PDB file of N, CA and C in Angstrom:
ATOM      1  N   MET A   1     262.470  60.059 107.393  1.00  0.00           N
ATOM      2  CA  MET A   1     262.232  61.270 106.663  1.00  0.00           C
ATOM      3  C   MET A   1     262.556  61.068 105.188  1.00  0.00           C
ATOM      4  N   GLN A   2     263.644  60.385 104.915  1.00  0.00           N
ATOM      5  CA  GLN A   2     264.050  60.168 103.525  1.00  0.00           C
ATOM      6  C   GLN A   2     262.981  59.400 102.751  1.00  0.00           C
ATOM      7  N   LEU A   3     262.467  58.328 103.344  1.00  0.00           N
ATOM      8  CA  LEU A   3     261.447  57.530 102.659  1.00  0.00           C
ATOM      9  C   LEU A   3     260.185  58.341 102.405  1.00  0.00           C
ATOM     10  N   LEU A   4     259.760  59.122 103.386  1.00  0.00           N
ATOM     11  CA  LEU A   4     258.580  59.970 103.231  1.00  0.00           C
ATOM     12  C   LEU A   4     258.782  60.961 102.086  1.00  0.00           C
ATOM     13  N   ALA A   5     259.917  61.635 102.086  1.00  0.00           N
ATOM     14  CA  ALA A   5     260.207  62.627 101.046  1.00  0.00           C
ATOM     15  C   ALA A   5     260.235  61.980  99.663  1.00  0.00           C
ATOM     16  N   GLU A   6     260.889  60.845  99.537  1.00  0.00           N
ATOM     17  CA  GLU A   6     260.985  60.174  98.238  1.00  0.00           C
ATOM     18  C   GLU A   6     259.623  59.678  97.753  1.00  0.00           C
ATOM     19  N   GLU A   7     258.794  59.181  98.651  1.00  0.00           N
ATOM     20  CA  GLU A   7     257.456  58.732  98.263  1.00  0.00           C
ATOM     21  C   GLU A   7     256.591  59.902  97.807  1.00  0.00           C
ATOM     22  N   LEU A   8     256.716  61.044  98.472  1.00  0.00           N
ATOM     23  CA  LEU A   8     255.958  62.222  98.049  1.00  0.00           C
ATOM     24  C   LEU A   8     256.389  62.686  96.661  1.00  0.00           C
ATOM     25  N   VAL A   9     257.680  62.614  96.377  1.00  0.00           N
ATOM     26  CA  VAL A   9     258.178  62.968  95.038  1.00  0.00           C
ATOM     27  C   VAL A   9     257.590  62.015  93.996  1.00  0.00           C
ATOM     28  N   LYS A  10     257.533  60.724  94.326  1.00  0.00           N
ATOM     29  CA  LYS A  10     256.959  59.740  93.398  1.00  0.00           C
ATOM     30  C   LYS A  10     255.497  60.062  93.079  1.00  0.00           C
ATOM     31  N   LYS A  11     254.816  60.726  94.016  1.00  0.00           N
ATOM     32  CA  LYS A  11     253.406  61.094  93.811  1.00  0.00           C
ATOM     33  C   LYS A  11     253.280  62.499  93.222  1.00  0.00           C
ATOM     34  N   ASN A  12     254.381  62.973  92.634  1.00  0.00           N
ATOM     35  CA  ASN A  12     254.428  64.269  91.935  1.00  0.00           C
ATOM     36  C   ASN A  12     254.280  65.490  92.835  1.00  0.00           C
ATOM     37  N   HIS A  13     254.695  65.368  94.090  1.00  0.00           N
ATOM     38  CA  HIS A  13     254.742  66.529  94.972  1.00  0.00           C
ATOM     39  C   HIS A  13     256.148  67.121  94.912  1.00  0.00           C
ATOM     40  N   GLU A  14     256.229  68.422  95.038  1.00  0.00           N
ATOM     41  CA  GLU A  14     257.541  69.060  95.132  1.00  0.00           C
ATOM     42  C   GLU A  14     257.946  69.043  96.599  1.00  0.00           C
ATOM     43  N   VAL A  15     259.076  68.435  96.880  1.00  0.00           N
ATOM     44  CA  VAL A  15     259.531  68.246  98.260  1.00  0.00           C
ATOM     45  C   VAL A  15     260.873  68.921  98.440  1.00  0.00           C
ATOM     46  N   ARG A  16     261.010  69.599  99.552  1.00  0.00           N
ATOM     47  CA  ARG A  16     262.284  70.223  99.893  1.00  0.00           C
ATOM     48  C   ARG A  16     262.601  69.871 101.342  1.00  0.00           C
ATOM     49  N   VAL A  17     263.812  69.394 101.582  1.00  0.00           N
ATOM     50  CA  VAL A  17     264.274  69.062 102.927  1.00  0.00           C
ATOM     51  C   VAL A  17     265.309  70.094 103.328  1.00  0.00           C
ATOM     52  N   VAL A  18     265.145  70.645 104.522  1.00  0.00           N
ATOM     53  CA  VAL A  18     266.119  71.586 105.063  1.00  0.00           C
ATOM     54  C   VAL A  18     266.773  70.909 106.257  1.00  0.00           C
ATOM     55  N   THR A  19     268.087  70.842 106.227  1.00  0.00           N
ATOM     56  CA  THR A  19     268.843  70.186 107.282  1.00  0.00           C
ATOM     57  C   THR A  19     270.043  71.057 107.641  1.00  0.00           C
ATOM     58  N   LEU A  20     270.868  70.579 108.562  1.00  0.00           N
ATOM     59  CA  LEU A  20     272.041  71.335 109.019  1.00  0.00           C
ATOM     60  C   LEU A  20     273.329  70.671 108.564  1.00  0.00           C
ATOM     61  N   ASN A  21     274.391  71.470 108.491  1.00  0.00           N
ATOM     62  CA  ASN A  21     275.717  70.920 108.235  1.00  0.00           C
ATOM     63  C   ASN A  21     276.743  71.658 109.088  1.00  0.00           C
ATOM     64  N   ASP A  22     277.924  71.098 109.147  1.00  0.00           N
ATOM     65  CA  ASP A  22     279.018  71.715 109.909  1.00  0.00           C
ATOM     66  C   ASP A  22     280.101  72.261 108.977  1.00  0.00           C
ATOM     67  N   GLU A  23     279.745  72.523 107.725  1.00  0.00           N
ATOM     68  CA  GLU A  23     280.725  72.932 106.722  1.00  0.00           C
ATOM     69  C   GLU A  23     280.863  74.437 106.559  1.00  0.00           C
ATOM     70  N   GLY A  24     279.970  75.214 107.181  1.00  0.00           N
ATOM     71  CA  GLY A  24     280.119  76.664 107.132  1.00  0.00           C
ATOM     72  C   GLY A  24     279.459  77.368 105.966  1.00  0.00           C
ATOM     73  N   SER A  25     278.830  76.615 105.066  1.00  0.00           N
ATOM     74  CA  SER A  25     278.156  77.259 103.935  1.00  0.00           C
ATOM     75  C   SER A  25     276.903  76.473 103.556  1.00  0.00           C
ATOM     76  N   ILE A  26     276.024  77.130 102.805  1.00  0.00           N
ATOM     77  CA  ILE A  26     274.796  76.487 102.349  1.00  0.00           C
ATOM     78  C   ILE A  26     275.132  75.523 101.215  1.00  0.00           C
ATOM     79  N   LYS A  27     274.621  74.321 101.309  1.00  0.00           N
ATOM     80  CA  LYS A  27     274.813  73.299 100.277  1.00  0.00           C
ATOM     81  C   LYS A  27     273.449  72.942  99.705  1.00  0.00           C
ATOM     82  N   LYS A  28     273.377  72.802  98.388  1.00  0.00           N
ATOM     83  CA  LYS A  28     272.131  72.407  97.731  1.00  0.00           C
ATOM     84  C   LYS A  28     272.414  71.227  96.820  1.00  0.00           C
ATOM     85  N   GLU A  29     271.537  70.220  96.901  1.00  0.00           N
ATOM     86  CA  GLU A  29     271.672  69.056  96.036  1.00  0.00           C
ATOM     87  C   GLU A  29     270.304  68.412  95.853  1.00  0.00           C
ATOM     88  N   VAL A  30     270.202  67.537  94.876  1.00  0.00           N
ATOM     89  CA  VAL A  30     268.981  66.774  94.640  1.00  0.00           C
ATOM     90  C   VAL A  30     269.333  65.306  94.818  1.00  0.00           C
ATOM     91  N   LEU A  31     268.628  64.652  95.739  1.00  0.00           N
ATOM     92  CA  LEU A  31     268.854  63.236  96.013  1.00  0.00           C
ATOM     93  C   LEU A  31     267.563  62.471  95.747  1.00  0.00           C
ATOM     94  N   ASN A  32     267.580  61.596  94.776  1.00  0.00           N
ATOM     95  CA  ASN A  32     266.394  60.807  94.422  1.00  0.00           C
ATOM     96  C   ASN A  32     265.173  61.684  94.194  1.00  0.00           C
ATOM     97  N   GLY A  33     265.382  62.827  93.562  1.00  0.00           N
ATOM     98  CA  GLY A  33     264.286  63.738  93.248  1.00  0.00           C
ATOM     99  C   GLY A  33     263.918  64.716  94.349  1.00  0.00           C
ATOM    100  N   VAL A  34     264.545  64.586  95.497  1.00  0.00           N
ATOM    101  CA  VAL A  34     264.256  65.450  96.644  1.00  0.00           C
ATOM    102  C   VAL A  34     265.292  66.566  96.698  1.00  0.00           C
ATOM    103  N   LYS A  35     264.823  67.806  96.705  1.00  0.00           N
ATOM    104  CA  LYS A  35     265.732  68.943  96.844  1.00  0.00           C
ATOM    105  C   LYS A  35     266.134  69.062  98.314  1.00  0.00           C
ATOM    106  N   VAL A  36     267.440  69.033  98.560  1.00  0.00           N
ATOM    107  CA  VAL A  36     267.964  69.089  99.924  1.00  0.00           C
ATOM    108  C   VAL A  36     268.794  70.355 100.075  1.00  0.00           C
ATOM    109  N   ILE A  37     268.432  71.162 101.057  1.00  0.00           N
ATOM    110  CA  ILE A  37     269.182  72.372 101.384  1.00  0.00           C
ATOM    111  C   ILE A  37     269.790  72.146 102.757  1.00  0.00           C
ATOM    112  N   SER A  38     271.091  72.227 102.824  1.00  0.00           N
ATOM    113  CA  SER A  38     271.815  72.011 104.069  1.00  0.00           C
ATOM    114  C   SER A  38     272.386  73.344 104.535  1.00  0.00           C
ATOM    115  N   LEU A  39     271.894  73.813 105.677  1.00  0.00           N
ATOM    116  CA  LEU A  39     272.305  75.111 106.210  1.00  0.00           C
ATOM    117  C   LEU A  39     273.436  74.949 107.213  1.00  0.00           C
ATOM    118  N   PRO A  40     274.380  75.878 107.224  1.00  0.00           N
ATOM    119  CA  PRO A  40     275.462  75.806 108.205  1.00  0.00           C
ATOM    120  C   PRO A  40     274.942  76.174 109.591  1.00  0.00           C
ATOM    121  N   LEU A  41     275.235  75.354 110.572  1.00  0.00           N
ATOM    122  CA  LEU A  41     274.815  75.634 111.943  1.00  0.00           C
ATOM    123  C   LEU A  41     275.577  76.837 112.472  1.00  0.00           C
ATOM    124  N   LYS A  42     274.848  77.831 112.924  1.00  0.00           N
ATOM    125  CA  LYS A  42     275.449  79.035 113.504  1.00  0.00           C
ATOM    126  C   LYS A  42     275.302  78.956 115.022  1.00  0.00           C
ATOM    127  N   ASN A  43     276.197  78.233 115.636  1.00  0.00           N
ATOM    128  CA  ASN A  43     276.229  78.100 117.091  1.00  0.00           C
ATOM    129  C   ASN A  43     277.676  77.886 117.502  1.00  0.00           C
ATOM    130  N   ARG A  44     277.898  77.672 118.761  1.00  0.00           N
ATOM    131  CA  ARG A  44     279.252  77.620 119.308  1.00  0.00           C
ATOM    132  C   ARG A  44     280.062  76.424 118.802  1.00  0.00           C
ATOM    133  N   TYR A  45     279.394  75.307 118.547  1.00  0.00           N
ATOM    134  CA  TYR A  45     280.082  74.114 118.053  1.00  0.00           C
ATOM    135  C   TYR A  45     279.059  73.184 117.413  1.00  0.00           C
ATOM    136  N   TRP A  46     279.547  72.189 116.675  1.00  0.00           N
ATOM    137  CA  TRP A  46     278.703  71.182 116.049  1.00  0.00           C
ATOM    138  C   TRP A  46     278.380  70.127 117.111  1.00  0.00           C
ATOM    139  N   PRO A  47     277.106  69.978 117.488  1.00  0.00           N
ATOM    140  CA  PRO A  47     276.762  69.118 118.621  1.00  0.00           C
ATOM    141  C   PRO A  47     276.833  67.618 118.338  1.00  0.00           C
ATOM    142  N   PHE A  48     277.040  67.216 117.090  1.00  0.00           N
ATOM    143  CA  PHE A  48     277.011  65.804 116.739  1.00  0.00           C
ATOM    144  C   PHE A  48     278.403  65.204 116.549  1.00  0.00           C
ATOM    145  N   SER A  49     279.427  65.944 116.924  1.00  0.00           N
ATOM    146  CA  SER A  49     280.787  65.411 116.826  1.00  0.00           C
ATOM    147  C   SER A  49     281.101  64.602 118.082  1.00  0.00           C
ATOM    148  N   SER A  50     282.174  63.864 118.040  1.00  0.00           N
ATOM    149  CA  SER A  50     282.585  63.072 119.201  1.00  0.00           C
ATOM    150  C   SER A  50     283.396  63.904 120.194  1.00  0.00           C
ATOM    151  N   GLU A  51     283.649  65.149 119.848  1.00  0.00           N
ATOM    152  CA  GLU A  51     284.422  66.040 120.715  1.00  0.00           C
ATOM    153  C   GLU A  51     283.667  66.310 122.020  1.00  0.00           C
ATOM    154  N   ALA A  52     284.378  66.243 123.134  1.00  0.00           N
ATOM    155  CA  ALA A  52     283.775  66.507 124.446  1.00  0.00           C
ATOM    156  C   ALA A  52     283.679  68.014 124.678  1.00  0.00           C
ATOM    157  N   HIS A  53     282.609  68.417 125.348  1.00  0.00           N
ATOM    158  CA  HIS A  53     282.403  69.831 125.665  1.00  0.00           C
ATOM    159  C   HIS A  53     282.079  69.965 127.144  1.00  0.00           C
ATOM    160  N   SER A  54     282.569  71.033 127.732  1.00  0.00           N
ATOM    161  CA  SER A  54     282.333  71.264 129.156  1.00  0.00           C
ATOM    162  C   SER A  54     280.867  71.602 129.400  1.00  0.00           C
ATOM    163  N   ARG A  55     280.470  71.548 130.639  1.00  0.00           N
ATOM    164  CA  ARG A  55     279.093  71.904 130.991  1.00  0.00           C
ATOM    165  C   ARG A  55     278.782  73.346 130.622  1.00  0.00           C
ATOM    166  N   ILE A  56     279.742  74.223 130.818  1.00  0.00           N
ATOM    167  CA  ILE A  56     279.508  75.636 130.498  1.00  0.00           C
ATOM    168  C   ILE A  56     279.363  75.821 128.987  1.00  0.00           C
ATOM    169  N   GLN A  57     280.167  75.113 128.197  1.00  0.00           N
ATOM    170  CA  GLN A  57     280.033  75.181 126.737  1.00  0.00           C
ATOM    171  C   GLN A  57     278.657  74.676 126.302  1.00  0.00           C
ATOM    172  N   LYS A  58     278.217  73.574 126.900  1.00  0.00           N
ATOM    173  CA  LYS A  58     276.895  73.027 126.579  1.00  0.00           C
ATOM    174  C   LYS A  58     275.791  73.998 126.976  1.00  0.00           C
ATOM    175  N   LEU A  59     275.950  74.623 128.147  1.00  0.00           N
ATOM    176  CA  LEU A  59     274.964  75.604 128.599  1.00  0.00           C
ATOM    177  C   LEU A  59     274.840  76.736 127.588  1.00  0.00           C
ATOM    178  N   PHE A  60     275.975  77.293 127.168  1.00  0.00           N
ATOM    179  CA  PHE A  60     275.939  78.395 126.203  1.00  0.00           C
ATOM    180  C   PHE A  60     275.396  77.948 124.843  1.00  0.00           C
ATOM    181  N   TRP A  61     275.702  76.703 124.447  1.00  0.00           N
ATOM    182  CA  TRP A  61     275.141  76.186 123.199  1.00  0.00           C
ATOM    183  C   TRP A  61     273.612  76.186 123.276  1.00  0.00           C
ATOM    184  N   HIS A  62     273.073  75.654 124.386  1.00  0.00           N
ATOM    185  CA  HIS A  62     271.617  75.569 124.542  1.00  0.00           C
ATOM    186  C   HIS A  62     270.980  76.943 124.702  1.00  0.00           C
ATOM    187  N   LEU A  63     271.651  77.861 125.372  1.00  0.00           N
ATOM    188  CA  LEU A  63     271.115  79.218 125.497  1.00  0.00           C
ATOM    189  C   LEU A  63     270.980  79.871 124.123  1.00  0.00           C
ATOM    190  N   LYS A  64     271.999  79.713 123.290  1.00  0.00           N
ATOM    191  CA  LYS A  64     271.904  80.272 121.938  1.00  0.00           C
ATOM    192  C   LYS A  64     270.826  79.553 121.136  1.00  0.00           C
ATOM    193  N   ASP A  65     270.672  78.257 121.368  1.00  0.00           N
ATOM    194  CA  ASP A  65     269.700  77.466 120.616  1.00  0.00           C
ATOM    195  C   ASP A  65     268.256  77.840 120.947  1.00  0.00           C
ATOM    196  N   VAL A  66     268.015  78.408 122.120  1.00  0.00           N
ATOM    197  CA  VAL A  66     266.654  78.809 122.497  1.00  0.00           C
ATOM    198  C   VAL A  66     266.088  79.778 121.467  1.00  0.00           C
ATOM    199  N   TYR A  67     266.865  80.734 121.052  1.00  0.00           N
ATOM    200  CA  TYR A  67     266.473  81.630 119.958  1.00  0.00           C
ATOM    201  C   TYR A  67     267.735  82.042 119.227  1.00  0.00           C
ATOM    202  N   ASN A  68     267.973  81.414 118.117  1.00  0.00           N
ATOM    203  CA  ASN A  68     269.173  81.655 117.329  1.00  0.00           C
ATOM    204  C   ASN A  68     268.776  82.501 116.112  1.00  0.00           C
ATOM    205  N   ALA A  69     268.949  83.803 116.227  1.00  0.00           N
ATOM    206  CA  ALA A  69     268.508  84.733 115.177  1.00  0.00           C
ATOM    207  C   ALA A  69     269.130  84.413 113.817  1.00  0.00           C
ATOM    208  N   ASP A  70     270.383  83.981 113.807  1.00  0.00           N
ATOM    209  CA  ASP A  70     271.035  83.630 112.537  1.00  0.00           C
ATOM    210  C   ASP A  70     270.308  82.474 111.851  1.00  0.00           C
ATOM    211  N   MET A  71     269.979  81.446 112.628  1.00  0.00           N
ATOM    212  CA  MET A  71     269.299  80.282 112.065  1.00  0.00           C
ATOM    213  C   MET A  71     267.857  80.618 111.688  1.00  0.00           C
ATOM    214  N   VAL A  72     267.192  81.413 112.512  1.00  0.00           N
ATOM    215  CA  VAL A  72     265.817  81.821 112.192  1.00  0.00           C
ATOM    216  C   VAL A  72     265.790  82.518 110.838  1.00  0.00           C
ATOM    217  N   SER A  73     266.740  83.392 110.606  1.00  0.00           N
ATOM    218  CA  SER A  73     266.801  84.123 109.342  1.00  0.00           C
ATOM    219  C   SER A  73     266.994  83.181 108.156  1.00  0.00           C
ATOM    220  N   MET A  74     267.912  82.238 108.284  1.00  0.00           N
ATOM    221  CA  MET A  74     268.166  81.304 107.176  1.00  0.00           C
ATOM    222  C   MET A  74     266.958  80.411 106.902  1.00  0.00           C
ATOM    223  N   VAL A  75     266.347  79.893 107.970  1.00  0.00           N
ATOM    224  CA  VAL A  75     265.176  79.028 107.796  1.00  0.00           C
ATOM    225  C   VAL A  75     264.016  79.832 107.215  1.00  0.00           C
ATOM    226  N   HIS A  76     263.831  81.045 107.708  1.00  0.00           N
ATOM    227  CA  HIS A  76     262.768  81.913 107.187  1.00  0.00           C
ATOM    228  C   HIS A  76     262.953  82.150 105.686  1.00  0.00           C
ATOM    229  N   ASN A  77     264.175  82.409 105.272  1.00  0.00           N
ATOM    230  CA  ASN A  77     264.458  82.622 103.845  1.00  0.00           C
ATOM    231  C   ASN A  77     264.095  81.390 103.015  1.00  0.00           C
ATOM    232  N   GLU A  78     264.445  80.220 103.512  1.00  0.00           N
ATOM    233  CA  GLU A  78     264.129  78.986 102.772  1.00  0.00           C
ATOM    234  C   GLU A  78     262.626  78.776 102.680  1.00  0.00           C
ATOM    235  N   ILE A  79     261.920  79.009 103.778  1.00  0.00           N
ATOM    236  CA  ILE A  79     260.461  78.841 103.770  1.00  0.00           C
ATOM    237  C   ILE A  79     259.813  79.861 102.839  1.00  0.00           C
ATOM    238  N   THR A  80     260.273  81.102 102.896  1.00  0.00           N
ATOM    239  CA  THR A  80     259.722  82.151 102.039  1.00  0.00           C
ATOM    240  C   THR A  80     259.971  81.845 100.565  1.00  0.00           C
ATOM    241  N   ASN A  81     261.172  81.398 100.236  1.00  0.00           N
ATOM    242  CA  ASN A  81     261.508  81.086  98.843  1.00  0.00           C
ATOM    243  C   ASN A  81     260.693  79.918  98.295  1.00  0.00           C
ATOM    244  N   PHE A  82     260.415  78.941  99.131  1.00  0.00           N
ATOM    245  CA  PHE A  82     259.706  77.739  98.688  1.00  0.00           C
ATOM    246  C   PHE A  82     258.192  77.890  98.806  1.00  0.00           C
ATOM    247  N   SER A  83     257.744  78.607  99.821  1.00  0.00           N
ATOM    248  CA  SER A  83     256.311  78.824 100.073  1.00  0.00           C
ATOM    249  C   SER A  83     255.533  77.504 100.104  1.00  0.00           C
ATOM    250  N   PRO A  84     255.876  76.622 101.046  1.00  0.00           N
ATOM    251  CA  PRO A  84     255.245  75.297 101.071  1.00  0.00           C
ATOM    252  C   PRO A  84     253.801  75.338 101.571  1.00  0.00           C
ATOM    253  N   ASP A  85     253.032  74.348 101.155  1.00  0.00           N
ATOM    254  CA  ASP A  85     251.680  74.169 101.677  1.00  0.00           C
ATOM    255  C   ASP A  85     251.720  73.473 103.036  1.00  0.00           C
ATOM    256  N   ILE A  86     252.697  72.603 103.214  1.00  0.00           N
ATOM    257  CA  ILE A  86     252.834  71.831 104.452  1.00  0.00           C
ATOM    258  C   ILE A  86     254.283  71.881 104.901  1.00  0.00           C
ATOM    259  N   ILE A  87     254.473  72.004 106.222  1.00  0.00           N
ATOM    260  CA  ILE A  87     255.809  71.906 106.817  1.00  0.00           C
ATOM    261  C   ILE A  87     255.767  70.765 107.823  1.00  0.00           C
ATOM    262  N   HIS A  88     256.681  69.814 107.652  1.00  0.00           N
ATOM    263  CA  HIS A  88     256.794  68.670 108.563  1.00  0.00           C
ATOM    264  C   HIS A  88     258.139  68.788 109.266  1.00  0.00           C
ATOM    265  N   THR A  89     258.135  68.729 110.588  1.00  0.00           N
ATOM    266  CA  THR A  89     259.399  68.819 111.326  1.00  0.00           C
ATOM    267  C   THR A  89     259.607  67.571 112.166  1.00  0.00           C
ATOM    268  N   ASN A  90     260.864  67.234 112.367  1.00  0.00           N
ATOM    269  CA  ASN A  90     261.223  66.130 113.251  1.00  0.00           C
ATOM    270  C   ASN A  90     261.973  66.624 114.470  1.00  0.00           C
ATOM    271  N   ASN A  91     262.932  67.495 114.259  1.00  0.00           N
ATOM    272  CA  ASN A  91     263.780  67.947 115.351  1.00  0.00           C
ATOM    273  C   ASN A  91     264.232  69.357 115.021  1.00  0.00           C
ATOM    274  N   LEU A  92     263.904  70.303 115.873  1.00  0.00           N
ATOM    275  CA  LEU A  92     264.265  71.692 115.595  1.00  0.00           C
ATOM    276  C   LEU A  92     265.509  72.148 116.349  1.00  0.00           C
ATOM    277  N   ALA A  93     266.154  71.265 117.109  1.00  0.00           N
ATOM    278  CA  ALA A  93     267.373  71.655 117.818  1.00  0.00           C
ATOM    279  C   ALA A  93     268.399  72.144 116.810  1.00  0.00           C
ATOM    280  N   GLY A  94     268.954  73.304 117.076  1.00  0.00           N
ATOM    281  CA  GLY A  94     269.948  73.882 116.186  1.00  0.00           C
ATOM    282  C   GLY A  94     269.372  74.833 115.162  1.00  0.00           C
ATOM    283  N   PHE A  95     268.092  74.707 114.852  1.00  0.00           N
ATOM    284  CA  PHE A  95     267.476  75.548 113.831  1.00  0.00           C
ATOM    285  C   PHE A  95     266.998  76.882 114.374  1.00  0.00           C
ATOM    286  N   LEU A  96     266.402  76.913 115.536  1.00  0.00           N
ATOM    287  CA  LEU A  96     265.774  78.118 116.025  1.00  0.00           C
ATOM    288  C   LEU A  96     266.358  78.504 117.348  1.00  0.00           C
TER     289      LEU A  96
END
């Protein structure tokens, strides 16, 4: 994803990457010309940590992930603000 985004910037396209973080707040930065917006994951826990979770915790995480209104709202705001011509996705787990 990084290489694709950077190459598009080199070709004078405006590129914005939306990703997740476990820090609890929205982070914005520019990396190699690519605008990166990192949204705080609004779910029961950060799924990429080494911390073990019970089956019931995982079940509830996935149930919330099926339709996460908090994340839908944040992603919708970013899409509306940017109004992109193209949206490319790799993995939507945690976003919606």
